[in-house]
Amino acid sequence: MIMELTALLPPVNDIGEVGNRFMDIQVKATEKLHKLKGSGEFVFDFSKNDIENWLNSQLLVLLVIYEAGTDTAYFIDVAAYFRVNRNVLGRANKYVRLYFTSANVFDQWALNQYKQSK
């Protein structure tokens, strides 16, 4: 079973002040992610229409995949991913397969890095 959650988060600094730039976090959850053999990558398929909408967004969009079995989440920055992987979307029909690296663990530290840098 796959669950989906969308969150719009305002930037908040260390003393609780809310900034004026929101980020869009798209979360997909499943019991077990499909890990590629011999690599630290997970694959997850997304609707081409969703990807195109996220790429056209004025917000920073992070895609997060959550594996309930290990209580671990991984993320990619949509705009950054497609700057490097431009051809992926053009070759897609209905769905786009994205590759998440196990090095990109989505936790409070990662979220804080994005809130401070973007």
Protein backbone atom coordinates (compact mmCIF):
# COMPACT_ATOMS: atom_id res chain seq x y z
CA MET A 1 0.00 0.00 0.00
CA ILE A 2 1.26 3.47 -0.88
CA MET A 3 0.14 6.53 1.04
CA GLU A 4 0.52 10.13 -0.07
CA LEU A 5 0.84 13.40 1.86
CA THR A 6 1.43 16.96 0.71
CA ALA A 7 2.72 19.64 3.07
CA LEU A 8 3.40 23.32 2.50
CA LEU A 9 5.90 24.44 5.09
CA PRO A 10 6.84 28.03 5.85
CA PRO A 11 10.50 28.63 6.62
CA VAL A 12 11.03 28.96 10.37
CA ASN A 13 14.34 30.05 11.85
CA ASP A 14 15.93 28.75 15.05
CA ILE A 15 13.99 31.16 17.26
CA GLY A 16 10.61 30.34 15.75
CA GLU A 17 10.20 33.29 13.38
CA VAL A 18 8.30 32.46 10.21
CA GLY A 19 9.84 33.62 6.94
CA ASN A 20 8.10 34.40 3.68
CA ARG A 21 9.22 31.49 1.49
CA PHE A 22 7.29 28.23 1.59
CA MET A 23 8.46 24.82 0.45
CA ASP A 24 6.28 22.03 -0.89
CA ILE A 25 7.06 18.58 0.48
CA GLN A 26 5.44 15.64 -1.33
CA VAL A 27 5.61 12.45 0.74
CA LYS A 28 4.97 8.92 -0.55
CA ALA A 29 4.94 6.13 2.01
CA THR A 30 5.19 2.38 1.60
CA GLU A 31 6.13 -0.62 3.74
CA LYS A 32 9.24 -1.51 1.74
CA LEU A 33 11.08 0.44 -0.95
CA HIS A 34 12.49 -1.19 -4.07
CA LYS A 35 16.28 -1.01 -3.67
CA LEU A 36 18.46 -1.56 -6.72
CA LYS A 37 20.92 -4.43 -6.36
CA GLY A 38 24.52 -3.35 -5.91
CA SER A 39 23.73 0.30 -5.32
CA GLY A 40 22.49 2.59 -2.62
CA GLU A 41 19.55 3.71 -4.72
CA PHE A 42 15.80 3.28 -4.43
CA VAL A 43 13.40 3.68 -7.33
CA PHE A 44 9.93 5.14 -7.18
CA ASP A 45 7.52 5.95 -10.01
CA PHE A 46 5.71 9.28 -10.17
CA SER A 47 3.06 10.60 -12.52
CA LYS A 48 4.55 12.64 -15.36
CA ASN A 49 1.79 15.22 -14.83
CA ASP A 50 2.74 15.60 -11.15
CA ILE A 51 6.41 16.06 -12.03
CA GLU A 52 5.58 18.69 -14.64
CA ASN A 53 3.40 20.55 -12.12
CA TRP A 54 6.13 20.47 -9.49
CA LEU A 55 8.72 21.71 -11.97
CA ASN A 56 6.46 24.66 -12.83
CA SER A 57 5.92 25.55 -9.18
CA GLN A 58 7.31 28.76 -7.73
CA LEU A 59 8.01 26.82 -4.54
CA LEU A 60 10.97 24.64 -3.67
CA VAL A 61 9.57 21.10 -4.07
CA LEU A 62 11.06 18.14 -2.22
CA LEU A 63 9.91 14.60 -2.99
CA VAL A 64 10.17 12.30 0.00
CA ILE A 65 9.77 8.55 -0.01
CA TYR A 66 9.16 6.96 3.38
CA GLU A 67 9.80 3.31 4.17
CA ALA A 68 7.63 2.36 7.12
CA GLY A 69 9.44 -0.94 7.68
CA THR A 70 12.69 0.87 8.54
CA ASP A 71 11.14 4.18 9.64
CA THR A 72 13.44 5.99 7.20
CA ALA A 73 12.75 8.63 4.57
CA TYR A 74 14.80 9.72 1.55
CA PHE A 75 14.38 12.85 -0.55
CA ILE A 76 15.24 14.66 -3.75
CA ASP A 77 14.95 18.32 -4.71
CA VAL A 78 12.79 18.18 -7.86
CA ALA A 79 14.36 21.17 -9.65
CA ALA A 80 17.92 20.05 -8.88
CA TYR A 81 17.18 16.45 -9.93
CA PHE A 82 15.86 17.48 -13.33
CA ARG A 83 18.68 19.97 -13.97
CA VAL A 84 20.96 16.92 -13.94
CA ASN A 85 18.51 14.42 -15.47
CA ARG A 86 16.87 16.57 -18.16
CA ASN A 87 16.17 13.75 -20.62
CA VAL A 88 14.20 11.60 -18.18
CA LEU A 89 10.98 13.60 -18.45
CA GLY A 90 11.05 13.82 -22.25
CA ARG A 91 11.27 10.04 -22.62
CA ALA A 92 8.47 9.38 -20.15
CA ASN A 93 4.96 8.45 -21.19
CA LYS A 94 2.67 8.41 -18.12
CA TYR A 95 5.10 7.73 -15.31
CA VAL A 96 8.61 8.85 -14.48
CA ARG A 97 10.97 6.58 -12.55
CA LEU A 98 13.11 8.56 -10.13
CA TYR A 99 16.19 7.31 -8.31
CA PHE A 100 16.69 8.24 -4.67
CA THR A 101 20.10 7.73 -3.10
CA SER A 102 20.33 6.29 0.40
CA ALA A 103 22.72 9.15 1.23
CA ASN A 104 19.80 11.62 1.04
CA VAL A 105 18.10 10.73 4.30
CA PHE A 106 15.23 13.08 5.06
CA ASP A 107 15.46 14.10 8.68
CA GLN A 108 15.41 17.30 10.74
CA TRP A 109 19.02 18.10 9.81
CA ALA A 110 18.31 17.81 6.06
CA LEU A 111 15.16 19.90 6.38
CA ASN A 112 17.06 22.60 8.28
CA GLN A 113 19.74 22.67 5.57
CA TYR A 114 17.12 23.35 2.92
CA LYS A 115 15.34 25.96 5.01
CA GLN A 116 18.62 27.85 5.47
CA SER A 117 20.02 27.53 1.94
CA LYS A 118 17.04 28.11 -0.34
